[in-house]
Amino acid sequence: MTETTQQLFLVYGGALREPTSDVYAEPGNLDVCGIFDSYETAYEAWQRASYRSVDDALVRYRIVPLF
């Protein structure tokens, strides 16, 4: 039996305390865009979310590989 692995990516973001920090102002209130099965689809979701908040210097979105 062949074992396969699956790579998943989480896209999330929210407002930071300061523009130069990596500390979220409200960690319990993050915008979770979803979990994606390819980096390409995760990147597309990241682009959409980032574009919605382009005028807010405190908002950051990230793509995180889950496993």
N, C-alpha and C. Protein backbone atom coordinates (compact mmCIF):
# COMPACT_ATOMS: atom_id res chain seq x y z
N MET A 1 0.83 -1.17 0.00
CA MET A 1 0.00 0.00 0.00
C MET A 1 0.88 1.24 0.00
N THR A 2 0.59 2.18 -0.87
CA THR A 2 1.35 3.41 -0.97
C THR A 2 0.77 4.46 -0.03
N GLU A 3 1.63 5.04 0.79
CA GLU A 3 1.18 6.08 1.70
C GLU A 3 1.41 7.44 1.04
N THR A 4 0.40 8.29 1.08
CA THR A 4 0.53 9.62 0.51
C THR A 4 0.43 10.65 1.63
N THR A 5 1.01 11.79 1.39
CA THR A 5 0.92 12.88 2.35
C THR A 5 0.17 14.03 1.71
N GLN A 6 -0.42 14.82 2.55
CA GLN A 6 -1.18 15.97 2.08
C GLN A 6 -0.66 17.21 2.78
N GLN A 7 -0.38 18.24 2.02
CA GLN A 7 0.06 19.51 2.58
C GLN A 7 -1.14 20.44 2.66
N LEU A 8 -1.38 21.00 3.84
CA LEU A 8 -2.48 21.94 4.03
C LEU A 8 -1.92 23.29 4.46
N PHE A 9 -2.65 24.36 4.11
CA PHE A 9 -2.22 25.72 4.41
C PHE A 9 -3.36 26.50 5.05
N LEU A 10 -3.06 27.20 6.13
CA LEU A 10 -4.02 28.04 6.83
C LEU A 10 -3.76 29.49 6.45
N VAL A 11 -4.83 30.22 6.16
CA VAL A 11 -4.73 31.65 5.88
C VAL A 11 -5.53 32.38 6.96
N TYR A 12 -4.86 33.29 7.66
CA TYR A 12 -5.52 34.06 8.72
C TYR A 12 -4.89 35.44 8.81
N GLY A 13 -5.57 36.32 9.52
CA GLY A 13 -5.02 37.66 9.70
C GLY A 13 -5.85 38.47 10.67
N GLY A 14 -5.37 39.68 10.90
CA GLY A 14 -6.05 40.59 11.81
C GLY A 14 -5.21 41.81 12.06
N ALA A 15 -5.70 42.64 12.95
CA ALA A 15 -5.01 43.89 13.28
C ALA A 15 -3.87 43.64 14.26
N LEU A 16 -2.74 44.25 13.98
CA LEU A 16 -1.58 44.17 14.86
C LEU A 16 -1.63 45.31 15.88
N ARG A 17 -0.90 45.15 16.98
CA ARG A 17 -0.83 46.24 17.97
C ARG A 17 -0.08 47.44 17.42
N GLU A 18 1.01 47.17 16.70
CA GLU A 18 1.82 48.22 16.09
C GLU A 18 2.20 47.76 14.69
N PRO A 19 2.41 48.69 13.76
CA PRO A 19 2.73 48.30 12.39
C PRO A 19 4.02 47.49 12.25
N THR A 20 4.95 47.65 13.18
CA THR A 20 6.23 46.95 13.08
C THR A 20 6.31 45.68 13.92
N SER A 21 5.19 45.32 14.57
CA SER A 21 5.22 44.14 15.43
C SER A 21 4.55 42.95 14.76
N ASP A 22 4.69 41.79 15.37
CA ASP A 22 4.00 40.59 14.92
C ASP A 22 2.98 40.14 15.97
N VAL A 23 2.57 41.06 16.84
CA VAL A 23 1.64 40.75 17.92
C VAL A 23 0.26 41.27 17.53
N TYR A 24 -0.71 40.35 17.51
CA TYR A 24 -2.07 40.74 17.15
C TYR A 24 -2.76 41.44 18.30
N ALA A 25 -3.53 42.47 18.00
CA ALA A 25 -4.24 43.25 19.01
C ALA A 25 -5.31 42.40 19.69
N GLU A 26 -6.04 41.60 18.93
CA GLU A 26 -7.09 40.75 19.48
C GLU A 26 -6.94 39.33 18.92
N PRO A 27 -6.07 38.51 19.50
CA PRO A 27 -5.85 37.17 18.97
C PRO A 27 -7.11 36.30 18.92
N GLY A 28 -8.04 36.55 19.80
CA GLY A 28 -9.27 35.78 19.81
C GLY A 28 -10.26 36.19 18.74
N ASN A 29 -9.91 37.26 18.01
CA ASN A 29 -10.83 37.79 17.00
C ASN A 29 -10.15 37.83 15.62
N LEU A 30 -9.32 36.85 15.33
CA LEU A 30 -8.64 36.80 14.04
C LEU A 30 -9.61 36.40 12.93
N ASP A 31 -9.34 36.89 11.75
CA ASP A 31 -10.11 36.52 10.56
C ASP A 31 -9.46 35.27 9.97
N VAL A 32 -10.12 34.13 10.10
CA VAL A 32 -9.62 32.88 9.53
C VAL A 32 -10.26 32.71 8.16
N CYS A 33 -9.45 32.82 7.13
CA CYS A 33 -9.96 32.73 5.76
C CYS A 33 -10.22 31.29 5.36
N GLY A 34 -9.49 30.36 5.94
CA GLY A 34 -9.74 28.96 5.64
C GLY A 34 -8.48 28.13 5.60
N ILE A 35 -8.69 26.84 5.36
CA ILE A 35 -7.62 25.87 5.19
C ILE A 35 -7.68 25.39 3.75
N PHE A 36 -6.53 25.39 3.08
CA PHE A 36 -6.47 25.10 1.65
C PHE A 36 -5.52 23.95 1.39
N ASP A 37 -5.81 23.21 0.32
CA ASP A 37 -5.01 22.02 0.03
C ASP A 37 -3.86 22.27 -0.93
N SER A 38 -3.67 23.51 -1.35
CA SER A 38 -2.50 23.86 -2.16
C SER A 38 -2.06 25.27 -1.82
N TYR A 39 -0.79 25.52 -2.02
CA TYR A 39 -0.27 26.85 -1.75
C TYR A 39 -0.90 27.87 -2.70
N GLU A 40 -1.16 27.46 -3.91
CA GLU A 40 -1.73 28.38 -4.90
C GLU A 40 -3.10 28.88 -4.47
N THR A 41 -3.97 28.00 -4.00
CA THR A 41 -5.30 28.44 -3.56
C THR A 41 -5.20 29.25 -2.27
N ALA A 42 -4.27 28.88 -1.39
CA ALA A 42 -4.05 29.66 -0.18
C ALA A 42 -3.55 31.06 -0.53
N TYR A 43 -2.69 31.14 -1.51
CA TYR A 43 -2.15 32.44 -1.94
C TYR A 43 -3.26 33.32 -2.52
N GLU A 44 -4.16 32.73 -3.27
CA GLU A 44 -5.29 33.48 -3.82
C GLU A 44 -6.17 34.03 -2.71
N ALA A 45 -6.44 33.22 -1.69
CA ALA A 45 -7.24 33.68 -0.55
C ALA A 45 -6.51 34.77 0.21
N TRP A 46 -5.20 34.62 0.38
CA TRP A 46 -4.39 35.64 1.04
C TRP A 46 -4.44 36.95 0.27
N GLN A 47 -4.35 36.89 -1.06
CA GLN A 47 -4.42 38.10 -1.88
C GLN A 47 -5.76 38.81 -1.71
N ARG A 48 -6.85 38.05 -1.76
CA ARG A 48 -8.18 38.66 -1.61
C ARG A 48 -8.31 39.35 -0.25
N ALA A 49 -7.90 38.65 0.81
CA ALA A 49 -8.01 39.21 2.16
C ALA A 49 -7.10 40.42 2.33
N SER A 50 -5.89 40.34 1.82
CA SER A 50 -4.95 41.45 1.93
C SER A 50 -5.44 42.66 1.15
N TYR A 51 -6.03 42.42 -0.01
CA TYR A 51 -6.52 43.54 -0.83
C TYR A 51 -7.68 44.26 -0.13
N ARG A 52 -8.54 43.51 0.57
CA ARG A 52 -9.65 44.14 1.29
C ARG A 52 -9.15 45.10 2.37
N SER A 53 -7.97 44.83 2.93
CA SER A 53 -7.45 45.64 4.03
C SER A 53 -6.24 46.48 3.63
N VAL A 54 -6.08 46.74 2.34
CA VAL A 54 -4.88 47.42 1.85
C VAL A 54 -4.70 48.82 2.45
N ASP A 55 -5.77 49.48 2.84
CA ASP A 55 -5.67 50.83 3.39
C ASP A 55 -5.41 50.87 4.89
N ASP A 56 -5.39 49.73 5.54
CA ASP A 56 -5.17 49.66 6.98
C ASP A 56 -3.77 49.10 7.25
N ALA A 57 -2.87 49.96 7.68
CA ALA A 57 -1.47 49.56 7.88
C ALA A 57 -1.29 48.56 9.02
N LEU A 58 -2.29 48.42 9.88
CA LEU A 58 -2.16 47.51 11.01
C LEU A 58 -2.62 46.08 10.70
N VAL A 59 -3.29 45.87 9.59
CA VAL A 59 -3.84 44.54 9.30
C VAL A 59 -2.85 43.73 8.47
N ARG A 60 -2.59 42.51 8.93
CA ARG A 60 -1.69 41.58 8.23
C ARG A 60 -2.35 40.23 8.10
N TYR A 61 -2.15 39.60 6.96
CA TYR A 61 -2.61 38.24 6.72
C TYR A 61 -1.41 37.36 6.48
N ARG A 62 -1.52 36.09 6.85
CA ARG A 62 -0.41 35.15 6.73
C ARG A 62 -0.89 33.82 6.14
N ILE A 63 0.05 33.14 5.49
CA ILE A 63 -0.15 31.78 5.04
C ILE A 63 0.77 30.90 5.87
N VAL A 64 0.18 29.89 6.52
CA VAL A 64 0.96 29.02 7.39
C VAL A 64 0.77 27.57 6.96
N PRO A 65 1.87 26.85 6.66
CA PRO A 65 1.73 25.42 6.36
C PRO A 65 1.37 24.67 7.64
N LEU A 66 0.38 23.79 7.56
CA LEU A 66 -0.06 23.06 8.75
C LEU A 66 0.74 21.79 8.96
N PHE A 67 0.97 21.01 7.90
CA PHE A 67 1.79 19.81 7.99
C PHE A 67 2.04 19.27 6.62
